[in-house]
Amino acid sequence: MISNPLFFVFIVVLIIWIGIALLLFRIDRKISLVEKEVSEALDEK
């Protein structure tokens, strides 16, 4: 399918970097939600 091995390596590395970026984005969103909940809980006291 892919005749050039370097192209294959590039595609694999690109997929890995996209996966890392998506993982970091999801973690950032979860942390933001937790920070918001903690902030609201502290404001209620």
N, C-alpha and C. Protein backbone atom coordinates (compact mmCIF):
# COMPACT_ATOMS: atom_id res chain seq x y z
N MET A 1 0.83 -1.20 0.00
CA MET A 1 0.00 0.00 0.00
C MET A 1 0.87 1.26 0.00
N ILE A 2 1.69 1.41 1.03
CA ILE A 2 2.59 2.57 1.10
C ILE A 2 3.99 2.08 0.72
N SER A 3 4.53 2.63 -0.38
CA SER A 3 5.80 2.13 -0.88
C SER A 3 6.99 2.75 -0.16
N ASN A 4 6.85 3.99 0.33
CA ASN A 4 7.97 4.67 0.98
C ASN A 4 7.88 4.48 2.50
N PRO A 5 8.87 3.82 3.11
CA PRO A 5 8.83 3.59 4.56
C PRO A 5 8.85 4.89 5.37
N LEU A 6 9.54 5.90 4.86
CA LEU A 6 9.61 7.17 5.57
C LEU A 6 8.23 7.82 5.64
N PHE A 7 7.46 7.70 4.60
CA PHE A 7 6.10 8.23 4.59
C PHE A 7 5.24 7.51 5.62
N PHE A 8 5.41 6.20 5.72
CA PHE A 8 4.68 5.40 6.70
C PHE A 8 5.02 5.85 8.12
N VAL A 9 6.30 6.06 8.40
CA VAL A 9 6.74 6.53 9.72
C VAL A 9 6.14 7.89 10.02
N PHE A 10 6.14 8.77 9.03
CA PHE A 10 5.56 10.11 9.20
C PHE A 10 4.09 10.02 9.58
N ILE A 11 3.34 9.17 8.91
CA ILE A 11 1.91 9.01 9.19
C ILE A 11 1.70 8.49 10.62
N VAL A 12 2.50 7.50 11.02
CA VAL A 12 2.37 6.94 12.37
C VAL A 12 2.67 7.99 13.42
N VAL A 13 3.74 8.75 13.24
CA VAL A 13 4.11 9.80 14.19
C VAL A 13 3.03 10.88 14.24
N LEU A 14 2.49 11.23 13.10
CA LEU A 14 1.42 12.23 13.05
C LEU A 14 0.19 11.76 13.83
N ILE A 15 -0.17 10.51 13.66
CA ILE A 15 -1.32 9.95 14.40
C ILE A 15 -1.05 9.98 15.90
N ILE A 16 0.17 9.65 16.30
CA ILE A 16 0.52 9.67 17.73
C ILE A 16 0.40 11.08 18.28
N TRP A 17 0.93 12.09 17.57
CA TRP A 17 0.86 13.47 18.03
C TRP A 17 -0.58 13.97 18.12
N ILE A 18 -1.41 13.59 17.16
CA ILE A 18 -2.82 13.99 17.20
C ILE A 18 -3.49 13.35 18.42
N GLY A 19 -3.17 12.10 18.71
CA GLY A 19 -3.72 11.43 19.88
C GLY A 19 -3.30 12.11 21.17
N ILE A 20 -2.03 12.50 21.27
CA ILE A 20 -1.55 13.20 22.46
C ILE A 20 -2.26 14.54 22.62
N ALA A 21 -2.43 15.27 21.52
CA ALA A 21 -3.10 16.57 21.57
C ALA A 21 -4.55 16.41 22.03
N LEU A 22 -5.25 15.41 21.51
CA LEU A 22 -6.64 15.18 21.93
C LEU A 22 -6.71 14.80 23.40
N LEU A 23 -5.78 13.97 23.85
CA LEU A 23 -5.75 13.58 25.26
C LEU A 23 -5.54 14.79 26.16
N LEU A 24 -4.59 15.64 25.81
CA LEU A 24 -4.33 16.84 26.60
C LEU A 24 -5.54 17.78 26.60
N PHE A 25 -6.22 17.89 25.47
CA PHE A 25 -7.40 18.74 25.39
C PHE A 25 -8.50 18.22 26.32
N ARG A 26 -8.72 16.91 26.33
CA ARG A 26 -9.74 16.33 27.20
C ARG A 26 -9.38 16.53 28.67
N ILE A 27 -8.11 16.34 29.03
CA ILE A 27 -7.68 16.52 30.41
C ILE A 27 -7.86 17.98 30.82
N ASP A 28 -7.54 18.91 29.93
CA ASP A 28 -7.69 20.32 30.23
C ASP A 28 -9.15 20.67 30.50
N ARG A 29 -10.06 20.12 29.70
CA ARG A 29 -11.49 20.38 29.92
C ARG A 29 -11.95 19.83 31.26
N LYS A 30 -11.51 18.63 31.61
CA LYS A 30 -11.90 18.03 32.88
C LYS A 30 -11.36 18.84 34.05
N ILE A 31 -10.12 19.29 33.96
CA ILE A 31 -9.53 20.10 35.03
C ILE A 31 -10.28 21.42 35.16
N SER A 32 -10.66 22.02 34.05
CA SER A 32 -11.41 23.28 34.10
C SER A 32 -12.75 23.08 34.81
N LEU A 33 -13.43 21.98 34.53
CA LEU A 33 -14.70 21.70 35.20
C LEU A 33 -14.50 21.52 36.71
N VAL A 34 -13.46 20.81 37.10
CA VAL A 34 -13.18 20.60 38.52
C VAL A 34 -12.85 21.93 39.19
N GLU A 35 -12.05 22.77 38.53
CA GLU A 35 -11.71 24.07 39.09
C GLU A 35 -12.97 24.92 39.29
N LYS A 36 -13.88 24.86 38.33
CA LYS A 36 -15.12 25.63 38.43
C LYS A 36 -15.96 25.13 39.61
N GLU A 37 -16.07 23.81 39.76
CA GLU A 37 -16.84 23.24 40.87
C GLU A 37 -16.22 23.62 42.21
N VAL A 38 -14.92 23.57 42.33
CA VAL A 38 -14.25 23.93 43.58
C VAL A 38 -14.46 25.41 43.87
N SER A 39 -14.35 26.24 42.86
CA SER A 39 -14.54 27.67 43.04
C SER A 39 -15.96 27.97 43.51
N GLU A 40 -16.95 27.31 42.90
CA GLU A 40 -18.34 27.53 43.31
C GLU A 40 -18.58 27.02 44.73
N ALA A 41 -17.97 25.91 45.09
CA ALA A 41 -18.13 25.36 46.44
C ALA A 41 -17.52 26.29 47.48
N LEU A 42 -16.40 26.89 47.16
CA LEU A 42 -15.76 27.82 48.10
C LEU A 42 -16.54 29.12 48.20
N ASP A 43 -17.17 29.55 47.12
CA ASP A 43 -17.96 30.78 47.14
C ASP A 43 -19.22 30.63 47.97
N GLU A 44 -19.75 29.41 48.07
CA GLU A 44 -20.97 29.17 48.83
C GLU A 44 -20.73 29.28 50.33
N LYS A 45 -19.51 29.03 50.77
CA LYS A 45 -19.21 29.05 52.21
C LYS A 45 -19.08 30.44 52.76
